[in-house]
Amino acid sequence: MTEAVTVDARGHRCPVPSLRLRKAMEGQAAGSRFALLATDPMARIDVPFLMQDVGGKVLSVEEADGVLTITVETGAARPD
């Protein structure tokens, strides 16, 4: 299993965490993993919608000391 790439969006409000995650995932191979760090509680809602939109999945959501760590995995590229 590959190590997740960390995307740090702490201190930013919606929609910045999801936008940063989306940008980091662009062009990455299916099965790539990313760990989004976010302090905005809306990321808990926004990221699953993003992953549904791009064909990926949320692997875990953890919270410690006010920081969400949302680990996701990219899916197969969707045809346009």
PDB file of N, CA and C in Angstrom:
ATOM      1  N   MET A   1       0.846  -1.176   0.000  1.00  0.00           N
ATOM      2  CA  MET A   1       0.000   0.000   0.000  1.00  0.00           C
ATOM      3  C   MET A   1       0.892   1.240   0.000  1.00  0.00           C
ATOM      4  N   THR A   2       0.520   2.211  -0.839  1.00  0.00           N
ATOM      5  CA  THR A   2       1.307   3.430  -0.935  1.00  0.00           C
ATOM      6  C   THR A   2       0.924   4.395   0.175  1.00  0.00           C
ATOM      7  N   GLU A   3       1.889   5.210   0.556  1.00  0.00           N
ATOM      8  CA  GLU A   3       1.646   6.207   1.593  1.00  0.00           C
ATOM      9  C   GLU A   3       0.837   7.353   1.007  1.00  0.00           C
ATOM     10  N   ALA A   4      -0.071   7.905   1.827  1.00  0.00           N
ATOM     11  CA  ALA A   4      -0.929   8.998   1.375  1.00  0.00           C
ATOM     12  C   ALA A   4      -0.137  10.300   1.261  1.00  0.00           C
ATOM     13  N   VAL A   5      -0.444  11.069   0.234  1.00  0.00           N
ATOM     14  CA  VAL A   5       0.108  12.411   0.052  1.00  0.00           C
ATOM     15  C   VAL A   5      -0.714  13.343   0.930  1.00  0.00           C
ATOM     16  N   THR A   6      -0.057  14.172   1.735  1.00  0.00           N
ATOM     17  CA  THR A   6      -0.768  15.078   2.636  1.00  0.00           C
ATOM     18  C   THR A   6      -1.089  16.392   1.933  1.00  0.00           C
ATOM     19  N   VAL A   7      -2.359  16.792   2.052  1.00  0.00           N
ATOM     20  CA  VAL A   7      -2.821  18.077   1.534  1.00  0.00           C
ATOM     21  C   VAL A   7      -3.254  18.891   2.754  1.00  0.00           C
ATOM     22  N   ASP A   8      -2.507  19.925   3.065  1.00  0.00           N
ATOM     23  CA  ASP A   8      -2.755  20.713   4.269  1.00  0.00           C
ATOM     24  C   ASP A   8      -3.629  21.927   3.944  1.00  0.00           C
ATOM     25  N   ALA A   9      -4.866  21.893   4.441  1.00  0.00           N
ATOM     26  CA  ALA A   9      -5.796  23.009   4.232  1.00  0.00           C
ATOM     27  C   ALA A   9      -6.282  23.552   5.577  1.00  0.00           C
ATOM     28  N   ARG A  10      -5.478  23.348   6.613  1.00  0.00           N
ATOM     29  CA  ARG A  10      -5.866  23.855   7.933  1.00  0.00           C
ATOM     30  C   ARG A  10      -5.957  25.373   7.894  1.00  0.00           C
ATOM     31  N   GLY A  11      -6.980  25.909   8.558  1.00  0.00           N
ATOM     32  CA  GLY A  11      -7.154  27.349   8.632  1.00  0.00           C
ATOM     33  C   GLY A  11      -7.953  27.935   7.474  1.00  0.00           C
ATOM     34  N   HIS A  12      -8.303  27.110   6.512  1.00  0.00           N
ATOM     35  CA  HIS A  12      -9.079  27.583   5.357  1.00  0.00           C
ATOM     36  C   HIS A  12     -10.522  27.108   5.478  1.00  0.00           C
ATOM     37  N   ARG A  13     -11.434  27.924   4.976  1.00  0.00           N
ATOM     38  CA  ARG A  13     -12.851  27.591   5.023  1.00  0.00           C
ATOM     39  C   ARG A  13     -13.328  27.081   3.669  1.00  0.00           C
ATOM     40  N   CYS A  14     -14.462  26.440   3.686  1.00  0.00           N
ATOM     41  CA  CYS A  14     -15.114  25.920   2.495  1.00  0.00           C
ATOM     42  C   CYS A  14     -15.192  27.014   1.430  1.00  0.00           C
ATOM     43  N   PRO A  15     -14.868  26.727   0.216  1.00  0.00           N
ATOM     44  CA  PRO A  15     -14.584  25.430  -0.405  1.00  0.00           C
ATOM     45  C   PRO A  15     -13.094  25.134  -0.576  1.00  0.00           C
ATOM     46  N   VAL A  16     -12.219  25.920   0.031  1.00  0.00           N
ATOM     47  CA  VAL A  16     -10.779  25.789  -0.198  1.00  0.00           C
ATOM     48  C   VAL A  16     -10.244  24.373   0.082  1.00  0.00           C
ATOM     49  N   PRO A  17     -10.606  23.716   1.206  1.00  0.00           N
ATOM     50  CA  PRO A  17     -10.058  22.364   1.424  1.00  0.00           C
ATOM     51  C   PRO A  17     -10.368  21.399   0.278  1.00  0.00           C
ATOM     52  N   SER A  18     -11.613  21.398  -0.193  1.00  0.00           N
ATOM     53  CA  SER A  18     -11.975  20.509  -1.301  1.00  0.00           C
ATOM     54  C   SER A  18     -11.262  20.895  -2.589  1.00  0.00           C
ATOM     55  N   LEU A  19     -11.128  22.181  -2.833  1.00  0.00           N
ATOM     56  CA  LEU A  19     -10.432  22.635  -4.042  1.00  0.00           C
ATOM     57  C   LEU A  19      -8.962  22.232  -4.025  1.00  0.00           C
ATOM     58  N   ARG A  20      -8.325  22.351  -2.874  1.00  0.00           N
ATOM     59  CA  ARG A  20      -6.916  21.935  -2.772  1.00  0.00           C
ATOM     60  C   ARG A  20      -6.768  20.432  -2.986  1.00  0.00           C
ATOM     61  N   LEU A  21      -7.706  19.672  -2.422  1.00  0.00           N
ATOM     62  CA  LEU A  21      -7.665  18.223  -2.603  1.00  0.00           C
ATOM     63  C   LEU A  21      -7.870  17.874  -4.069  1.00  0.00           C
ATOM     64  N   ARG A  22      -8.849  18.490  -4.700  1.00  0.00           N
ATOM     65  CA  ARG A  22      -9.121  18.221  -6.120  1.00  0.00           C
ATOM     66  C   ARG A  22      -7.880  18.523  -6.968  1.00  0.00           C
ATOM     67  N   LYS A  23      -7.240  19.649  -6.714  1.00  0.00           N
ATOM     68  CA  LYS A  23      -6.042  20.028  -7.477  1.00  0.00           C
ATOM     69  C   LYS A  23      -4.917  19.011  -7.280  1.00  0.00           C
ATOM     70  N   ALA A  24      -4.726  18.554  -6.044  1.00  0.00           N
ATOM     71  CA  ALA A  24      -3.676  17.575  -5.760  1.00  0.00           C
ATOM     72  C   ALA A  24      -3.937  16.249  -6.476  1.00  0.00           C
ATOM     73  N   MET A  25      -5.211  15.897  -6.645  1.00  0.00           N
ATOM     74  CA  MET A  25      -5.560  14.620  -7.268  1.00  0.00           C
ATOM     75  C   MET A  25      -5.473  14.651  -8.785  1.00  0.00           C
ATOM     76  N   GLU A  26      -5.455  15.842  -9.396  1.00  0.00           N
ATOM     77  CA  GLU A  26      -5.437  15.946 -10.854  1.00  0.00           C
ATOM     78  C   GLU A  26      -4.267  15.170 -11.454  1.00  0.00           C
ATOM     79  N   GLY A  27      -4.594  14.317 -12.399  1.00  0.00           N
ATOM     80  CA  GLY A  27      -3.566  13.588 -13.134  1.00  0.00           C
ATOM     81  C   GLY A  27      -2.929  12.428 -12.392  1.00  0.00           C
ATOM     82  N   GLN A  28      -3.396  12.139 -11.188  1.00  0.00           N
ATOM     83  CA  GLN A  28      -2.811  11.034 -10.419  1.00  0.00           C
ATOM     84  C   GLN A  28      -3.450   9.705 -10.818  1.00  0.00           C
ATOM     85  N   ALA A  29      -2.707   8.646 -10.679  1.00  0.00           N
ATOM     86  CA  ALA A  29      -3.178   7.312 -11.046  1.00  0.00           C
ATOM     87  C   ALA A  29      -4.293   6.842 -10.124  1.00  0.00           C
ATOM     88  N   ALA A  30      -5.159   6.000 -10.661  1.00  0.00           N
ATOM     89  CA  ALA A  30      -6.211   5.391  -9.850  1.00  0.00           C
ATOM     90  C   ALA A  30      -5.567   4.641  -8.691  1.00  0.00           C
ATOM     91  N   GLY A  31      -6.161   4.763  -7.524  1.00  0.00           N
ATOM     92  CA  GLY A  31      -5.626   4.100  -6.346  1.00  0.00           C
ATOM     93  C   GLY A  31      -4.669   4.963  -5.553  1.00  0.00           C
ATOM     94  N   SER A  32      -4.388   6.190  -6.029  1.00  0.00           N
ATOM     95  CA  SER A  32      -3.535   7.107  -5.274  1.00  0.00           C
ATOM     96  C   SER A  32      -4.276   7.556  -4.025  1.00  0.00           C
ATOM     97  N   ARG A  33      -3.541   7.706  -2.937  1.00  0.00           N
ATOM     98  CA  ARG A  33      -4.153   8.092  -1.663  1.00  0.00           C
ATOM     99  C   ARG A  33      -3.694   9.473  -1.226  1.00  0.00           C
ATOM    100  N   PHE A  34      -4.641  10.187  -0.627  1.00  0.00           N
ATOM    101  CA  PHE A  34      -4.396  11.542  -0.143  1.00  0.00           C
ATOM    102  C   PHE A  34      -4.993  11.677   1.242  1.00  0.00           C
ATOM    103  N   ALA A  35      -4.305  12.423   2.105  1.00  0.00           N
ATOM    104  CA  ALA A  35      -4.807  12.722   3.449  1.00  0.00           C
ATOM    105  C   ALA A  35      -5.000  14.229   3.532  1.00  0.00           C
ATOM    106  N   LEU A  36      -6.246  14.664   3.595  1.00  0.00           N
ATOM    107  CA  LEU A  36      -6.567  16.077   3.701  1.00  0.00           C
ATOM    108  C   LEU A  36      -6.616  16.469   5.170  1.00  0.00           C
ATOM    109  N   LEU A  37      -5.858  17.508   5.533  1.00  0.00           N
ATOM    110  CA  LEU A  37      -5.917  18.068   6.885  1.00  0.00           C
ATOM    111  C   LEU A  37      -6.752  19.333   6.799  1.00  0.00           C
ATOM    112  N   ALA A  38      -7.827  19.394   7.588  1.00  0.00           N
ATOM    113  CA  ALA A  38      -8.732  20.541   7.517  1.00  0.00           C
ATOM    114  C   ALA A  38      -9.274  20.871   8.902  1.00  0.00           C
ATOM    115  N   THR A  39      -9.462  22.164   9.139  1.00  0.00           N
ATOM    116  CA  THR A  39     -10.073  22.602  10.396  1.00  0.00           C
ATOM    117  C   THR A  39     -11.516  23.036  10.199  1.00  0.00           C
ATOM    118  N   ASP A  40     -11.960  23.182   8.959  1.00  0.00           N
ATOM    119  CA  ASP A  40     -13.342  23.544   8.676  1.00  0.00           C
ATOM    120  C   ASP A  40     -14.211  22.288   8.761  1.00  0.00           C
ATOM    121  N   PRO A  41     -15.192  22.263   9.670  1.00  0.00           N
ATOM    122  CA  PRO A  41     -16.021  21.070   9.807  1.00  0.00           C
ATOM    123  C   PRO A  41     -16.825  20.729   8.554  1.00  0.00           C
ATOM    124  N   MET A  42     -17.016  21.685   7.663  1.00  0.00           N
ATOM    125  CA  MET A  42     -17.747  21.412   6.417  1.00  0.00           C
ATOM    126  C   MET A  42     -16.993  20.438   5.518  1.00  0.00           C
ATOM    127  N   ALA A  43     -15.693  20.295   5.715  1.00  0.00           N
ATOM    128  CA  ALA A  43     -14.921  19.338   4.909  1.00  0.00           C
ATOM    129  C   ALA A  43     -15.468  17.925   5.097  1.00  0.00           C
ATOM    130  N   ARG A  44     -16.020  17.654   6.262  1.00  0.00           N
ATOM    131  CA  ARG A  44     -16.605  16.339   6.554  1.00  0.00           C
ATOM    132  C   ARG A  44     -17.766  16.046   5.596  1.00  0.00           C
ATOM    133  N   ILE A  45     -18.413  17.080   5.121  1.00  0.00           N
ATOM    134  CA  ILE A  45     -19.539  16.950   4.183  1.00  0.00           C
ATOM    135  C   ILE A  45     -19.061  17.115   2.740  1.00  0.00           C
ATOM    136  N   ASP A  46     -18.214  18.114   2.507  1.00  0.00           N
ATOM    137  CA  ASP A  46     -17.787  18.446   1.148  1.00  0.00           C
ATOM    138  C   ASP A  46     -16.938  17.365   0.490  1.00  0.00           C
ATOM    139  N   VAL A  47     -16.025  16.778   1.232  1.00  0.00           N
ATOM    140  CA  VAL A  47     -15.100  15.812   0.628  1.00  0.00           C
ATOM    141  C   VAL A  47     -15.821  14.562   0.112  1.00  0.00           C
ATOM    142  N   PRO A  48     -16.770  13.976   0.855  1.00  0.00           N
ATOM    143  CA  PRO A  48     -17.483  12.837   0.269  1.00  0.00           C
ATOM    144  C   PRO A  48     -18.210  13.189  -1.032  1.00  0.00           C
ATOM    145  N   PHE A  49     -18.777  14.399  -1.118  1.00  0.00           N
ATOM    146  CA  PHE A  49     -19.401  14.824  -2.371  1.00  0.00           C
ATOM    147  C   PHE A  49     -18.370  14.937  -3.486  1.00  0.00           C
ATOM    148  N   LEU A  50     -17.208  15.507  -3.167  1.00  0.00           N
ATOM    149  CA  LEU A  50     -16.139  15.612  -4.151  1.00  0.00           C
ATOM    150  C   LEU A  50     -15.734  14.229  -4.647  1.00  0.00           C
ATOM    151  N   MET A  51     -15.542  13.307  -3.730  1.00  0.00           N
ATOM    152  CA  MET A  51     -15.087  11.975  -4.127  1.00  0.00           C
ATOM    153  C   MET A  51     -16.139  11.260  -4.968  1.00  0.00           C
ATOM    154  N   GLN A  52     -17.392  11.474  -4.667  1.00  0.00           N
ATOM    155  CA  GLN A  52     -18.459  10.902  -5.484  1.00  0.00           C
ATOM    156  C   GLN A  52     -18.397  11.493  -6.896  1.00  0.00           C
ATOM    157  N   ASP A  53     -18.143  12.787  -6.982  1.00  0.00           N
ATOM    158  CA  ASP A  53     -18.078  13.481  -8.260  1.00  0.00           C
ATOM    159  C   ASP A  53     -16.902  12.999  -9.116  1.00  0.00           C
ATOM    160  N   VAL A  54     -15.771  12.702  -8.494  1.00  0.00           N
ATOM    161  CA  VAL A  54     -14.577  12.300  -9.256  1.00  0.00           C
ATOM    162  C   VAL A  54     -14.377  10.786  -9.321  1.00  0.00           C
ATOM    163  N   GLY A  55     -15.297  10.028  -8.739  1.00  0.00           N
ATOM    164  CA  GLY A  55     -15.210   8.573  -8.828  1.00  0.00           C
ATOM    165  C   GLY A  55     -14.241   7.929  -7.849  1.00  0.00           C
ATOM    166  N   GLY A  56     -13.905   8.642  -6.776  1.00  0.00           N
ATOM    167  CA  GLY A  56     -13.013   8.084  -5.754  1.00  0.00           C
ATOM    168  C   GLY A  56     -13.806   7.681  -4.528  1.00  0.00           C
ATOM    169  N   LYS A  57     -13.091   7.426  -3.436  1.00  0.00           N
ATOM    170  CA  LYS A  57     -13.801   7.054  -2.207  1.00  0.00           C
ATOM    171  C   LYS A  57     -13.082   7.582  -0.978  1.00  0.00           C
ATOM    172  N   VAL A  58     -13.872   7.808   0.058  1.00  0.00           N
ATOM    173  CA  VAL A  58     -13.341   8.216   1.355  1.00  0.00           C
ATOM    174  C   VAL A  58     -12.990   6.946   2.108  1.00  0.00           C
ATOM    175  N   LEU A  59     -11.757   6.849   2.568  1.00  0.00           N
ATOM    176  CA  LEU A  59     -11.312   5.668   3.312  1.00  0.00           C
ATOM    177  C   LEU A  59     -11.503   5.836   4.804  1.00  0.00           C
ATOM    178  N   SER A  60     -11.255   7.054   5.314  1.00  0.00           N
ATOM    179  CA  SER A  60     -11.431   7.278   6.752  1.00  0.00           C
ATOM    180  C   SER A  60     -11.575   8.760   7.042  1.00  0.00           C
ATOM    181  N   VAL A  61     -12.239   9.049   8.154  1.00  0.00           N
ATOM    182  CA  VAL A  61     -12.366  10.416   8.665  1.00  0.00           C
ATOM    183  C   VAL A  61     -12.036  10.352  10.141  1.00  0.00           C
ATOM    184  N   GLU A  62     -10.998  11.066  10.533  1.00  0.00           N
ATOM    185  CA  GLU A  62     -10.579  11.093  11.935  1.00  0.00           C
ATOM    186  C   GLU A  62     -10.487  12.549  12.380  1.00  0.00           C
ATOM    187  N   GLU A  63     -10.715  12.779  13.674  1.00  0.00           N
ATOM    188  CA  GLU A  63     -10.598  14.130  14.202  1.00  0.00           C
ATOM    189  C   GLU A  63      -9.808  14.090  15.493  1.00  0.00           C
ATOM    190  N   ALA A  64      -8.832  14.979  15.598  1.00  0.00           N
ATOM    191  CA  ALA A  64      -8.019  15.093  16.804  1.00  0.00           C
ATOM    192  C   ALA A  64      -7.610  16.553  16.973  1.00  0.00           C
ATOM    193  N   ASP A  65      -7.833  17.091  18.142  1.00  0.00           N
ATOM    194  CA  ASP A  65      -7.445  18.471  18.459  1.00  0.00           C
ATOM    195  C   ASP A  65      -7.987  19.479  17.455  1.00  0.00           C
ATOM    196  N   GLY A  66      -9.226  19.258  16.993  1.00  0.00           N
ATOM    197  CA  GLY A  66      -9.865  20.190  16.075  1.00  0.00           C
ATOM    198  C   GLY A  66      -9.426  20.089  14.629  1.00  0.00           C
ATOM    199  N   VAL A  67      -8.620  19.079  14.314  1.00  0.00           N
ATOM    200  CA  VAL A  67      -8.154  18.891  12.933  1.00  0.00           C
ATOM    201  C   VAL A  67      -8.737  17.602  12.381  1.00  0.00           C
ATOM    202  N   LEU A  68      -9.429  17.736  11.252  1.00  0.00           N
ATOM    203  CA  LEU A  68      -9.936  16.564  10.546  1.00  0.00           C
ATOM    204  C   LEU A  68      -8.838  16.011   9.648  1.00  0.00           C
ATOM    205  N   THR A  69      -8.690  14.708   9.632  1.00  0.00           N
ATOM    206  CA  THR A  69      -7.826  14.038   8.671  1.00  0.00           C
ATOM    207  C   THR A  69      -8.729  13.121   7.861  1.00  0.00           C
ATOM    208  N   ILE A  70      -8.912  13.476   6.604  1.00  0.00           N
ATOM    209  CA  ILE A  70      -9.791  12.711   5.731  1.00  0.00           C
ATOM    210  C   ILE A  70      -8.916  12.039   4.680  1.00  0.00           C
ATOM    211  N   THR A  71      -8.879  10.713   4.732  1.00  0.00           N
ATOM    212  CA  THR A  71      -8.057   9.947   3.810  1.00  0.00           C
ATOM    213  C   THR A  71      -8.942   9.443   2.674  1.00  0.00           C
ATOM    214  N   VAL A  72      -8.489   9.710   1.445  1.00  0.00           N
ATOM    215  CA  VAL A  72      -9.279   9.337   0.256  1.00  0.00           C
ATOM    216  C   VAL A  72      -8.403   8.565  -0.716  1.00  0.00           C
ATOM    217  N   GLU A  73      -9.074   7.904  -1.645  1.00  0.00           N
ATOM    218  CA  GLU A  73      -8.381   7.175  -2.692  1.00  0.00           C
ATOM    219  C   GLU A  73      -9.018   7.546  -4.031  1.00  0.00           C
ATOM    220  N   THR A  74      -8.183   7.841  -5.008  1.00  0.00           N
ATOM    221  CA  THR A  74      -8.693   8.192  -6.328  1.00  0.00           C
ATOM    222  C   THR A  74      -9.259   6.964  -7.012  1.00  0.00           C
ATOM    223  N   GLY A  75     -10.229   7.189  -7.876  1.00  0.00           N
ATOM    224  CA  GLY A  75     -10.813   6.119  -8.656  1.00  0.00           C
ATOM    225  C   GLY A  75     -10.281   6.144 -10.069  1.00  0.00           C
ATOM    226  N   ALA A  76     -10.851   5.333 -10.912  1.00  0.00           N
ATOM    227  CA  ALA A  76     -10.470   5.319 -12.323  1.00  0.00           C
ATOM    228  C   ALA A  76     -10.912   6.631 -12.955  1.00  0.00           C
ATOM    229  N   ALA A  77     -10.151   7.091 -13.907  1.00  0.00           N
ATOM    230  CA  ALA A  77     -10.489   8.337 -14.591  1.00  0.00           C
ATOM    231  C   ALA A  77     -11.817   8.178 -15.302  1.00  0.00           C
ATOM    232  N   ARG A  78     -12.653   9.203 -15.171  1.00  0.00           N
ATOM    233  CA  ARG A  78     -13.961   9.172 -15.836  1.00  0.00           C
ATOM    234  C   ARG A  78     -13.819   9.741 -17.247  1.00  0.00           C
ATOM    235  N   PRO A  79     -14.493   9.098 -18.210  1.00  0.00           N
ATOM    236  CA  PRO A  79     -14.461   9.654 -19.563  1.00  0.00           C
ATOM    237  C   PRO A  79     -15.249  10.961 -19.601  1.00  0.00           C
ATOM    238  N   ASP A  80     -14.823  11.893 -20.436  1.00  0.00           N
ATOM    239  CA  ASP A  80     -15.529  13.184 -20.540  1.00  0.00           C
ATOM    240  C   ASP A  80     -16.754  13.085 -21.406  1.00  0.00           C
TER     241      ASP A  80
END
